[in-house]
Amino acid sequence: MGGVSLLPAVRRPSSRWLAAPLLGAVLLAGCTGGEPDDPASSAATPSTTTEAPSVEPTPSEPPPAEAAPDAPAGGPEESFLTWLAASRAPDVDTACAYMTPELAQSMVDEITSQGFPGITDCASLITMTSGLFAAAGQASEATVELREEAADRAVLHVVYVAGTSCGTVVLQPGDGHWVLSERARAEC
């Protein structure tokens, strides 16, 4: 862990307006784990959202990046959107399965350092944050753009539709799907 904290200094959430930006930052990245390689050097694919599948490229757009032969089934965008939907449902088992243990622990550490009691593991984190997102009326929609994909990692740029946060999410191969890693950073 290290780098810049992704959470604003908050003693206790006193309203739903404080919860949404706080949790958007936590769930976007947890804490920074270093800078991902320059995604500009890789081919990009069109943006996708939870409501619209990937769009076929037009002749003026570069072709989609080829997935590495041993990459997990389903794309990194699909894995991120699966995690996002599960984290808001909450579907604790799925949400936690789409996160590395290091990311889950860094998010638990980050949220407890802000004064949220009773958060001890991934399951309690997902349950609590899901409730706060629901109370704040935050939808689980995001625009997701694949910036880079290789056999050992994928880099996404994510903008939450509610406009509360955006940033870079780094995924790594998991058990049959991509998983969110602690190497991420908030950008807005």
N, C-alpha and C. Protein backbone atom coordinates (compact mmCIF):
# COMPACT_ATOMS: atom_id res chain seq x y z
N MET A 1 0.85 -1.16 0.00
CA MET A 1 0.00 0.00 0.00
C MET A 1 0.89 1.22 0.00
N GLY A 2 0.44 2.32 -0.41
CA GLY A 2 1.19 3.54 -0.42
C GLY A 2 0.55 4.49 -1.39
N GLY A 3 1.19 5.59 -1.64
CA GLY A 3 0.65 6.54 -2.60
C GLY A 3 -0.36 7.45 -1.95
N VAL A 4 -1.24 7.97 -2.75
CA VAL A 4 -2.22 8.95 -2.34
C VAL A 4 -3.47 8.26 -1.83
N SER A 5 -4.00 8.74 -0.71
CA SER A 5 -5.26 8.19 -0.21
C SER A 5 -6.37 8.58 -1.16
N LEU A 6 -7.25 7.65 -1.42
CA LEU A 6 -8.34 7.89 -2.34
C LEU A 6 -9.62 8.32 -1.64
N LEU A 7 -9.56 8.48 -0.34
CA LEU A 7 -10.72 8.87 0.42
C LEU A 7 -10.53 10.25 0.99
N PRO A 8 -11.58 11.07 0.98
CA PRO A 8 -11.48 12.36 1.64
C PRO A 8 -11.47 12.15 3.15
N ALA A 9 -10.94 13.11 3.87
CA ALA A 9 -10.94 13.01 5.33
C ALA A 9 -12.36 13.21 5.82
N VAL A 10 -12.93 12.16 6.37
CA VAL A 10 -14.31 12.18 6.86
C VAL A 10 -14.32 11.53 8.23
N ARG A 11 -14.91 12.19 9.22
CA ARG A 11 -14.99 11.60 10.55
C ARG A 11 -16.06 10.52 10.58
N ARG A 12 -17.25 10.84 10.20
CA ARG A 12 -18.37 9.91 10.12
C ARG A 12 -19.29 10.42 9.03
N PRO A 13 -19.84 9.53 8.25
CA PRO A 13 -20.76 10.00 7.23
C PRO A 13 -22.04 10.51 7.88
N SER A 14 -22.35 11.78 7.69
CA SER A 14 -23.52 12.34 8.33
C SER A 14 -24.70 12.40 7.39
N SER A 15 -24.48 12.17 6.12
CA SER A 15 -25.60 12.17 5.19
C SER A 15 -25.27 11.32 3.99
N ARG A 16 -26.28 11.05 3.20
CA ARG A 16 -26.06 10.24 2.01
C ARG A 16 -25.18 10.97 1.01
N TRP A 17 -25.07 12.27 1.08
CA TRP A 17 -24.24 13.03 0.13
C TRP A 17 -22.76 12.82 0.41
N LEU A 18 -22.41 12.54 1.64
CA LEU A 18 -21.02 12.23 1.94
C LEU A 18 -20.69 10.80 1.58
N ALA A 19 -21.64 9.92 1.69
CA ALA A 19 -21.39 8.49 1.46
C ALA A 19 -21.06 8.19 0.01
N ALA A 20 -21.76 8.79 -0.91
CA ALA A 20 -21.57 8.45 -2.33
C ALA A 20 -20.15 8.74 -2.83
N PRO A 21 -19.61 9.95 -2.65
CA PRO A 21 -18.24 10.17 -3.13
C PRO A 21 -17.21 9.34 -2.38
N LEU A 22 -17.41 9.18 -1.08
CA LEU A 22 -16.49 8.39 -0.28
C LEU A 22 -16.44 6.97 -0.79
N LEU A 23 -17.58 6.36 -0.96
CA LEU A 23 -17.62 4.97 -1.39
C LEU A 23 -17.24 4.81 -2.85
N GLY A 24 -17.54 5.79 -3.67
CA GLY A 24 -17.09 5.72 -5.06
C GLY A 24 -15.58 5.64 -5.13
N ALA A 25 -14.92 6.44 -4.31
CA ALA A 25 -13.46 6.40 -4.28
C ALA A 25 -12.95 5.08 -3.74
N VAL A 26 -13.56 4.59 -2.67
CA VAL A 26 -13.13 3.32 -2.09
C VAL A 26 -13.33 2.19 -3.08
N LEU A 27 -14.49 2.11 -3.67
CA LEU A 27 -14.79 0.99 -4.55
C LEU A 27 -14.12 1.12 -5.90
N LEU A 28 -13.68 2.29 -6.27
CA LEU A 28 -12.94 2.43 -7.51
C LEU A 28 -11.58 1.81 -7.39
N ALA A 29 -10.90 2.08 -6.26
CA ALA A 29 -9.53 1.63 -6.21
C ALA A 29 -9.02 1.14 -4.87
N GLY A 30 -9.68 1.38 -3.80
CA GLY A 30 -9.15 0.96 -2.50
C GLY A 30 -8.00 1.85 -2.10
N CYS A 31 -6.82 1.50 -2.48
CA CYS A 31 -5.67 2.38 -2.30
C CYS A 31 -4.72 2.14 -3.46
N THR A 32 -3.88 3.10 -3.74
CA THR A 32 -3.01 2.97 -4.89
C THR A 32 -1.92 1.97 -4.61
N GLY A 33 -1.55 1.26 -5.65
CA GLY A 33 -0.51 0.26 -5.51
C GLY A 33 0.56 0.47 -6.55
N GLY A 34 0.71 1.66 -7.03
CA GLY A 34 1.70 1.94 -8.06
C GLY A 34 1.03 2.37 -9.33
N GLU A 35 1.81 2.91 -10.20
CA GLU A 35 1.31 3.39 -11.46
C GLU A 35 1.25 2.26 -12.47
N PRO A 36 0.13 2.09 -13.17
CA PRO A 36 0.12 1.12 -14.24
C PRO A 36 0.98 1.63 -15.39
N ASP A 37 1.44 0.70 -16.24
CA ASP A 37 2.22 1.12 -17.40
C ASP A 37 1.39 2.07 -18.24
N ASP A 38 2.05 2.83 -19.09
CA ASP A 38 1.38 3.81 -19.93
C ASP A 38 0.39 3.13 -20.85
N PRO A 39 -0.93 3.28 -20.59
CA PRO A 39 -1.90 2.63 -21.42
C PRO A 39 -2.00 3.23 -22.81
N ALA A 40 -1.44 4.41 -23.03
CA ALA A 40 -1.51 5.04 -24.34
C ALA A 40 -0.74 4.25 -25.39
N SER A 41 0.18 3.40 -24.94
CA SER A 41 0.97 2.64 -25.91
C SER A 41 0.24 1.40 -26.40
N SER A 42 -0.94 1.11 -25.85
CA SER A 42 -1.70 -0.06 -26.23
C SER A 42 -2.90 0.33 -27.07
N ALA A 43 -3.41 -0.65 -27.82
CA ALA A 43 -4.62 -0.42 -28.60
C ALA A 43 -5.80 -0.31 -27.65
N ALA A 44 -6.73 0.58 -27.93
CA ALA A 44 -7.91 0.77 -27.10
C ALA A 44 -9.11 0.19 -27.81
N THR A 45 -10.13 -0.14 -27.03
CA THR A 45 -11.39 -0.59 -27.60
C THR A 45 -12.44 0.44 -27.25
N PRO A 46 -13.58 0.39 -27.93
CA PRO A 46 -14.63 1.34 -27.61
C PRO A 46 -15.11 1.18 -26.18
N SER A 47 -15.70 2.24 -25.64
CA SER A 47 -16.23 2.20 -24.29
C SER A 47 -17.44 1.30 -24.23
N THR A 48 -17.67 0.73 -23.07
CA THR A 48 -18.88 -0.04 -22.84
C THR A 48 -19.51 0.46 -21.57
N THR A 49 -20.78 0.19 -21.39
CA THR A 49 -21.47 0.54 -20.16
C THR A 49 -22.24 -0.68 -19.71
N THR A 50 -22.81 -0.58 -18.51
CA THR A 50 -23.59 -1.70 -18.00
C THR A 50 -24.87 -1.86 -18.80
N GLU A 51 -25.28 -0.86 -19.53
CA GLU A 51 -26.54 -0.94 -20.25
C GLU A 51 -26.36 -1.23 -21.73
N ALA A 52 -25.14 -1.12 -22.25
CA ALA A 52 -24.93 -1.37 -23.67
C ALA A 52 -23.68 -2.22 -23.84
N PRO A 53 -23.76 -3.29 -24.62
CA PRO A 53 -22.57 -4.11 -24.84
C PRO A 53 -21.58 -3.38 -25.73
N SER A 54 -20.43 -3.97 -25.87
CA SER A 54 -19.37 -3.41 -26.68
C SER A 54 -19.87 -3.13 -28.09
N VAL A 55 -19.48 -2.00 -28.65
CA VAL A 55 -19.88 -1.61 -29.99
C VAL A 55 -18.80 -2.04 -30.96
N GLU A 56 -19.21 -2.55 -32.10
CA GLU A 56 -18.23 -2.93 -33.12
C GLU A 56 -17.48 -1.68 -33.58
N PRO A 57 -16.18 -1.79 -33.83
CA PRO A 57 -15.43 -0.61 -34.26
C PRO A 57 -15.83 -0.20 -35.67
N THR A 58 -15.80 1.10 -35.89
CA THR A 58 -16.02 1.62 -37.24
C THR A 58 -14.67 1.67 -37.93
N PRO A 59 -14.65 1.84 -39.25
CA PRO A 59 -13.36 1.86 -39.94
C PRO A 59 -12.38 2.90 -39.42
N SER A 60 -12.88 4.00 -38.80
CA SER A 60 -11.98 5.04 -38.31
C SER A 60 -11.41 4.71 -36.93
N GLU A 61 -11.92 3.66 -36.27
CA GLU A 61 -11.43 3.28 -34.95
C GLU A 61 -10.43 2.13 -35.08
N PRO A 62 -9.47 2.04 -34.14
CA PRO A 62 -8.56 0.90 -34.18
C PRO A 62 -9.32 -0.38 -33.83
N PRO A 63 -8.86 -1.52 -34.31
CA PRO A 63 -9.54 -2.77 -33.98
C PRO A 63 -9.37 -3.08 -32.50
N PRO A 64 -10.28 -3.90 -31.93
CA PRO A 64 -10.14 -4.24 -30.52
C PRO A 64 -8.83 -4.97 -30.26
N ALA A 65 -8.31 -4.79 -29.04
CA ALA A 65 -7.08 -5.48 -28.67
C ALA A 65 -7.36 -6.98 -28.62
N GLU A 66 -6.45 -7.76 -29.13
CA GLU A 66 -6.60 -9.21 -29.10
C GLU A 66 -6.33 -9.69 -27.68
N ALA A 67 -7.20 -10.54 -27.19
CA ALA A 67 -6.97 -11.12 -25.87
C ALA A 67 -5.84 -12.12 -25.96
N ALA A 68 -5.04 -12.17 -24.94
CA ALA A 68 -3.94 -13.12 -24.90
C ALA A 68 -4.51 -14.53 -24.89
N PRO A 69 -3.83 -15.52 -25.50
CA PRO A 69 -4.37 -16.86 -25.59
C PRO A 69 -4.72 -17.49 -24.25
N ASP A 70 -3.98 -17.20 -23.19
CA ASP A 70 -4.26 -17.80 -21.89
C ASP A 70 -5.00 -16.85 -20.95
N ALA A 71 -5.62 -15.80 -21.50
CA ALA A 71 -6.38 -14.86 -20.69
C ALA A 71 -7.67 -15.52 -20.20
N PRO A 72 -8.19 -15.06 -19.06
CA PRO A 72 -9.43 -15.63 -18.53
C PRO A 72 -10.60 -15.46 -19.51
N ALA A 73 -11.59 -16.33 -19.38
CA ALA A 73 -12.79 -16.23 -20.20
C ALA A 73 -13.51 -14.93 -19.87
N GLY A 74 -14.19 -14.37 -20.85
CA GLY A 74 -14.86 -13.09 -20.63
C GLY A 74 -13.82 -11.99 -20.58
N GLY A 75 -14.16 -10.84 -21.01
CA GLY A 75 -13.20 -9.75 -21.04
C GLY A 75 -13.07 -9.04 -19.71
N PRO A 76 -12.04 -8.22 -19.57
CA PRO A 76 -11.85 -7.46 -18.34
C PRO A 76 -13.02 -6.51 -18.06
N GLU A 77 -13.59 -5.93 -19.14
CA GLU A 77 -14.73 -5.04 -18.94
C GLU A 77 -15.90 -5.80 -18.33
N GLU A 78 -16.17 -7.01 -18.85
CA GLU A 78 -17.25 -7.84 -18.33
C GLU A 78 -16.99 -8.20 -16.87
N SER A 79 -15.75 -8.51 -16.54
CA SER A 79 -15.42 -8.84 -15.14
C SER A 79 -15.63 -7.65 -14.23
N PHE A 80 -15.22 -6.46 -14.65
CA PHE A 80 -15.42 -5.27 -13.83
C PHE A 80 -16.90 -5.01 -13.62
N LEU A 81 -17.69 -5.10 -14.69
CA LEU A 81 -19.12 -4.84 -14.58
C LEU A 81 -19.82 -5.90 -13.73
N THR A 82 -19.35 -7.13 -13.79
CA THR A 82 -19.89 -8.19 -12.92
C THR A 82 -19.61 -7.84 -11.47
N TRP A 83 -18.35 -7.43 -11.18
CA TRP A 83 -18.01 -7.04 -9.82
C TRP A 83 -18.86 -5.85 -9.36
N LEU A 84 -19.02 -4.85 -10.22
CA LEU A 84 -19.77 -3.66 -9.85
C LEU A 84 -21.22 -4.01 -9.51
N ALA A 85 -21.87 -4.80 -10.36
CA ALA A 85 -23.25 -5.20 -10.09
C ALA A 85 -23.34 -6.01 -8.80
N ALA A 86 -22.41 -6.94 -8.60
CA ALA A 86 -22.42 -7.77 -7.39
C ALA A 86 -22.15 -6.94 -6.14
N SER A 87 -21.29 -5.94 -6.25
CA SER A 87 -20.98 -5.12 -5.08
C SER A 87 -22.14 -4.23 -4.67
N ARG A 88 -23.03 -3.95 -5.59
CA ARG A 88 -24.19 -3.12 -5.29
C ARG A 88 -25.42 -3.94 -4.92
N ALA A 89 -25.49 -5.23 -5.28
CA ALA A 89 -26.70 -6.04 -5.10
C ALA A 89 -27.10 -6.21 -3.64
N PRO A 90 -26.36 -6.56 -2.66
CA PRO A 90 -25.03 -7.15 -2.73
C PRO A 90 -25.08 -8.68 -2.93
N ASP A 91 -24.16 -9.12 -3.76
CA ASP A 91 -23.87 -10.54 -3.93
C ASP A 91 -22.44 -10.68 -3.42
N VAL A 92 -22.31 -10.88 -2.12
CA VAL A 92 -21.02 -10.86 -1.44
C VAL A 92 -20.05 -11.87 -2.03
N ASP A 93 -20.50 -13.10 -2.26
CA ASP A 93 -19.60 -14.13 -2.78
C ASP A 93 -19.02 -13.74 -4.13
N THR A 94 -19.87 -13.25 -5.03
CA THR A 94 -19.39 -12.86 -6.36
C THR A 94 -18.49 -11.64 -6.27
N ALA A 95 -18.92 -10.61 -5.54
CA ALA A 95 -18.11 -9.39 -5.44
C ALA A 95 -16.72 -9.69 -4.90
N CYS A 96 -16.65 -10.47 -3.84
CA CYS A 96 -15.35 -10.79 -3.24
C CYS A 96 -14.51 -11.69 -4.15
N ALA A 97 -15.16 -12.56 -4.93
CA ALA A 97 -14.43 -13.43 -5.86
C ALA A 97 -13.80 -12.66 -7.01
N TYR A 98 -14.29 -11.46 -7.27
CA TYR A 98 -13.77 -10.63 -8.35
C TYR A 98 -12.77 -9.59 -7.85
N MET A 99 -12.26 -9.77 -6.62
CA MET A 99 -11.26 -8.89 -6.04
C MET A 99 -10.10 -9.73 -5.54
N THR A 100 -8.87 -9.21 -5.66
CA THR A 100 -7.75 -9.91 -5.05
C THR A 100 -7.87 -9.75 -3.53
N PRO A 101 -7.32 -10.69 -2.77
CA PRO A 101 -7.32 -10.53 -1.31
C PRO A 101 -6.63 -9.24 -0.87
N GLU A 102 -5.59 -8.85 -1.59
CA GLU A 102 -4.87 -7.61 -1.25
C GLU A 102 -5.76 -6.39 -1.44
N LEU A 103 -6.55 -6.35 -2.51
CA LEU A 103 -7.46 -5.24 -2.72
C LEU A 103 -8.52 -5.21 -1.64
N ALA A 104 -9.10 -6.36 -1.35
CA ALA A 104 -10.13 -6.41 -0.31
C ALA A 104 -9.58 -5.89 1.02
N GLN A 105 -8.38 -6.33 1.39
CA GLN A 105 -7.81 -5.88 2.66
C GLN A 105 -7.49 -4.39 2.64
N SER A 106 -6.98 -3.88 1.54
CA SER A 106 -6.66 -2.45 1.48
C SER A 106 -7.93 -1.61 1.56
N MET A 107 -9.03 -2.11 0.97
CA MET A 107 -10.30 -1.38 1.06
C MET A 107 -10.84 -1.43 2.48
N VAL A 108 -10.74 -2.58 3.14
CA VAL A 108 -11.16 -2.69 4.54
C VAL A 108 -10.34 -1.72 5.40
N ASP A 109 -9.03 -1.71 5.20
CA ASP A 109 -8.17 -0.81 5.97
C ASP A 109 -8.52 0.65 5.72
N GLU A 110 -8.75 0.99 4.46
CA GLU A 110 -9.06 2.38 4.09
C GLU A 110 -10.38 2.83 4.71
N ILE A 111 -11.40 2.01 4.61
CA ILE A 111 -12.72 2.42 5.11
C ILE A 111 -12.75 2.44 6.65
N THR A 112 -12.05 1.51 7.30
CA THR A 112 -12.03 1.55 8.77
C THR A 112 -11.21 2.72 9.28
N SER A 113 -10.20 3.13 8.52
CA SER A 113 -9.42 4.30 8.94
C SER A 113 -10.25 5.58 8.90
N GLN A 114 -11.37 5.54 8.19
CA GLN A 114 -12.26 6.69 8.11
C GLN A 114 -13.35 6.66 9.17
N GLY A 115 -13.29 5.66 10.06
CA GLY A 115 -14.23 5.62 11.18
C GLY A 115 -15.45 4.75 11.01
N PHE A 116 -15.50 3.92 9.99
CA PHE A 116 -16.63 3.01 9.82
C PHE A 116 -16.39 1.78 10.69
N PRO A 117 -17.23 1.55 11.70
CA PRO A 117 -17.01 0.41 12.60
C PRO A 117 -17.53 -0.90 12.01
N GLY A 118 -16.99 -2.01 12.50
CA GLY A 118 -17.51 -3.32 12.17
C GLY A 118 -17.11 -3.88 10.81
N ILE A 119 -16.24 -3.21 10.10
CA ILE A 119 -15.80 -3.71 8.79
C ILE A 119 -14.52 -4.50 9.04
N THR A 120 -14.61 -5.83 8.91
CA THR A 120 -13.48 -6.68 9.24
C THR A 120 -12.98 -7.52 8.07
N ASP A 121 -13.80 -7.65 7.03
CA ASP A 121 -13.42 -8.49 5.90
C ASP A 121 -14.17 -8.04 4.65
N CYS A 122 -13.91 -8.73 3.56
CA CYS A 122 -14.54 -8.37 2.29
C CYS A 122 -16.06 -8.43 2.38
N ALA A 123 -16.59 -9.48 2.99
CA ALA A 123 -18.04 -9.64 3.07
C ALA A 123 -18.70 -8.48 3.81
N SER A 124 -18.14 -8.08 4.96
CA SER A 124 -18.74 -6.97 5.72
C SER A 124 -18.56 -5.65 4.98
N LEU A 125 -17.46 -5.50 4.24
CA LEU A 125 -17.24 -4.30 3.44
C LEU A 125 -18.30 -4.18 2.34
N ILE A 126 -18.50 -5.26 1.58
CA ILE A 126 -19.47 -5.24 0.48
C ILE A 126 -20.88 -5.00 1.01
N THR A 127 -21.23 -5.65 2.10
CA THR A 127 -22.56 -5.49 2.69
C THR A 127 -22.79 -4.04 3.11
N MET A 128 -21.83 -3.45 3.82
CA MET A 128 -21.98 -2.08 4.29
C MET A 128 -22.01 -1.08 3.13
N THR A 129 -21.08 -1.21 2.20
CA THR A 129 -21.04 -0.23 1.11
C THR A 129 -22.25 -0.35 0.20
N SER A 130 -22.74 -1.56 0.00
CA SER A 130 -23.95 -1.73 -0.80
C SER A 130 -25.12 -0.99 -0.17
N GLY A 131 -25.25 -1.10 1.14
CA GLY A 131 -26.31 -0.40 1.85
C GLY A 131 -26.18 1.11 1.73
N LEU A 132 -24.96 1.61 1.81
CA LEU A 132 -24.76 3.05 1.68
C LEU A 132 -25.04 3.54 0.26
N PHE A 133 -24.63 2.76 -0.74
CA PHE A 133 -24.96 3.14 -2.12
C PHE A 133 -26.46 3.15 -2.34
N ALA A 134 -27.15 2.16 -1.81
CA ALA A 134 -28.61 2.11 -1.94
C ALA A 134 -29.25 3.31 -1.26
N ALA A 135 -28.78 3.65 -0.05
CA ALA A 135 -29.32 4.79 0.68
C ALA A 135 -29.08 6.10 -0.06
N ALA A 136 -27.95 6.16 -0.76
CA ALA A 136 -27.62 7.37 -1.51
C ALA A 136 -28.28 7.39 -2.89
N GLY A 137 -28.93 6.30 -3.26
CA GLY A 137 -29.59 6.24 -4.57
C GLY A 137 -28.62 6.13 -5.73
N GLN A 138 -27.43 5.59 -5.49
CA GLN A 138 -26.41 5.48 -6.53
C GLN A 138 -26.62 4.22 -7.36
N ALA A 139 -26.77 4.40 -8.65
CA ALA A 139 -26.93 3.27 -9.57
C ALA A 139 -25.59 2.60 -9.82
N SER A 140 -25.63 1.36 -10.26
CA SER A 140 -24.39 0.64 -10.55
C SER A 140 -24.06 0.72 -12.03
N GLU A 141 -23.99 1.93 -12.53
CA GLU A 141 -23.67 2.14 -13.93
C GLU A 141 -22.31 2.82 -14.05
N ALA A 142 -21.56 2.38 -15.04
CA ALA A 142 -20.25 2.97 -15.29
C ALA A 142 -19.91 2.83 -16.76
N THR A 143 -19.14 3.76 -17.24
CA THR A 143 -18.57 3.65 -18.58
C THR A 143 -17.19 3.06 -18.39
N VAL A 144 -16.91 2.00 -19.12
CA VAL A 144 -15.67 1.26 -18.97
C VAL A 144 -14.96 1.20 -20.31
N GLU A 145 -13.71 1.64 -20.34
CA GLU A 145 -12.91 1.62 -21.57
C GLU A 145 -11.66 0.77 -21.33
N LEU A 146 -11.47 -0.22 -22.17
CA LEU A 146 -10.27 -1.05 -22.10
C LEU A 146 -9.11 -0.25 -22.67
N ARG A 147 -8.09 -0.05 -21.87
CA ARG A 147 -6.92 0.69 -22.32
C ARG A 147 -5.77 -0.25 -22.69
N GLU A 148 -5.71 -1.41 -22.03
CA GLU A 148 -4.60 -2.34 -22.28
C GLU A 148 -5.02 -3.73 -21.84
N GLU A 149 -4.60 -4.74 -22.59
CA GLU A 149 -4.84 -6.11 -22.17
C GLU A 149 -3.67 -6.98 -22.59
N ALA A 150 -3.14 -7.73 -21.65
CA ALA A 150 -2.06 -8.69 -21.88
C ALA A 150 -2.41 -9.94 -21.09
N ALA A 151 -1.59 -10.97 -21.19
CA ALA A 151 -1.87 -12.22 -20.49
C ALA A 151 -1.90 -12.05 -18.98
N ASP A 152 -1.08 -11.12 -18.45
CA ASP A 152 -0.96 -10.99 -17.00
C ASP A 152 -1.72 -9.82 -16.38
N ARG A 153 -2.33 -8.96 -17.20
CA ARG A 153 -3.06 -7.83 -16.64
C ARG A 153 -3.87 -7.12 -17.70
N ALA A 154 -4.84 -6.36 -17.23
CA ALA A 154 -5.64 -5.50 -18.09
C ALA A 154 -5.82 -4.17 -17.37
N VAL A 155 -5.90 -3.09 -18.13
CA VAL A 155 -6.06 -1.76 -17.56
C VAL A 155 -7.33 -1.15 -18.14
N LEU A 156 -8.22 -0.72 -17.26
CA LEU A 156 -9.47 -0.08 -17.65
C LEU A 156 -9.49 1.36 -17.17
N HIS A 157 -10.19 2.20 -17.92
CA HIS A 157 -10.53 3.53 -17.44
C HIS A 157 -12.02 3.47 -17.13
N VAL A 158 -12.39 3.82 -15.90
CA VAL A 158 -13.77 3.70 -15.44
C VAL A 158 -14.28 5.08 -15.02
N VAL A 159 -15.47 5.42 -15.51
CA VAL A 159 -16.15 6.64 -15.08
C VAL A 159 -17.52 6.22 -14.60
N TYR A 160 -17.80 6.46 -13.32
CA TYR A 160 -19.12 6.15 -12.80
C TYR A 160 -20.12 7.12 -13.38
N VAL A 161 -21.26 6.61 -13.87
CA VAL A 161 -22.26 7.43 -14.54
C VAL A 161 -22.74 8.55 -13.63
N ALA A 162 -22.84 8.29 -12.35
CA ALA A 162 -23.27 9.32 -11.41
C ALA A 162 -22.27 10.47 -11.34
N GLY A 163 -21.08 10.29 -11.92
CA GLY A 163 -20.09 11.35 -11.96
C GLY A 163 -19.35 11.56 -10.66
N THR A 164 -19.46 10.62 -9.72
CA THR A 164 -18.82 10.80 -8.43
C THR A 164 -17.33 10.51 -8.47
N SER A 165 -16.88 9.68 -9.39
CA SER A 165 -15.46 9.38 -9.46
C SER A 165 -15.11 8.70 -10.78
N CYS A 166 -13.82 8.71 -11.06
CA CYS A 166 -13.30 8.01 -12.22
C CYS A 166 -11.86 7.64 -11.92
N GLY A 167 -11.34 6.73 -12.71
CA GLY A 167 -9.96 6.35 -12.50
C GLY A 167 -9.56 5.15 -13.31
N THR A 168 -8.36 4.68 -13.03
CA THR A 168 -7.78 3.54 -13.70
C THR A 168 -7.91 2.33 -12.78
N VAL A 169 -8.41 1.23 -13.34
CA VAL A 169 -8.54 -0.02 -12.61
C VAL A 169 -7.67 -1.05 -13.31
N VAL A 170 -6.85 -1.74 -12.53
CA VAL A 170 -5.96 -2.77 -13.07
C VAL A 170 -6.49 -4.12 -12.62
N LEU A 171 -6.66 -5.02 -13.57
CA LEU A 171 -7.15 -6.37 -13.28
C LEU A 171 -6.05 -7.37 -13.59
N GLN A 172 -6.16 -8.53 -12.97
CA GLN A 172 -5.22 -9.61 -13.25
C GLN A 172 -6.02 -10.89 -13.43
N PRO A 173 -5.43 -11.90 -14.06
CA PRO A 173 -6.16 -13.16 -14.24
C PRO A 173 -6.53 -13.77 -12.89
N GLY A 174 -7.74 -14.30 -12.84
CA GLY A 174 -8.21 -14.97 -11.63
C GLY A 174 -8.65 -16.38 -11.98
N ASP A 175 -9.52 -16.92 -11.18
CA ASP A 175 -10.01 -18.27 -11.38
C ASP A 175 -11.13 -18.27 -12.42
N GLY A 176 -10.77 -18.27 -13.70
CA GLY A 176 -11.74 -18.30 -14.78
C GLY A 176 -12.27 -16.94 -15.20
N HIS A 177 -11.82 -15.88 -14.55
CA HIS A 177 -12.25 -14.52 -14.89
C HIS A 177 -11.18 -13.54 -14.40
N TRP A 178 -11.30 -12.31 -14.84
CA TRP A 178 -10.39 -11.26 -14.38
C TRP A 178 -10.80 -10.82 -12.99
N VAL A 179 -9.82 -10.40 -12.16
CA VAL A 179 -10.11 -9.88 -10.83
C VAL A 179 -9.47 -8.51 -10.66
N LEU A 180 -10.16 -7.65 -9.92
CA LEU A 180 -9.66 -6.31 -9.65
C LEU A 180 -8.49 -6.42 -8.68
N SER A 181 -7.40 -5.70 -8.99
CA SER A 181 -6.23 -5.72 -8.12
C SER A 181 -6.11 -4.40 -7.38
N GLU A 182 -5.18 -4.36 -6.44
CA GLU A 182 -4.96 -3.13 -5.67
C GLU A 182 -4.20 -2.07 -6.46
N ARG A 183 -3.73 -2.39 -7.65
CA ARG A 183 -3.00 -1.42 -8.46
C ARG A 183 -3.98 -0.58 -9.27
N ALA A 184 -4.48 0.46 -8.67
CA ALA A 184 -5.45 1.35 -9.30
C ALA A 184 -5.21 2.76 -8.79
N ARG A 185 -5.80 3.71 -9.46
CA ARG A 185 -5.66 5.08 -8.96
C ARG A 185 -6.87 5.90 -9.37
N ALA A 186 -7.26 6.79 -8.47
CA ALA A 186 -8.34 7.73 -8.75
C ALA A 186 -7.79 8.85 -9.61
N GLU A 187 -8.61 9.35 -10.52
CA GLU A 187 -8.18 10.43 -11.40
C GLU A 187 -9.08 11.65 -11.29
N CYS A 188 -10.31 11.49 -10.82
CA CYS A 188 -11.20 12.64 -10.66
C CYS A 188 -12.21 12.37 -9.57
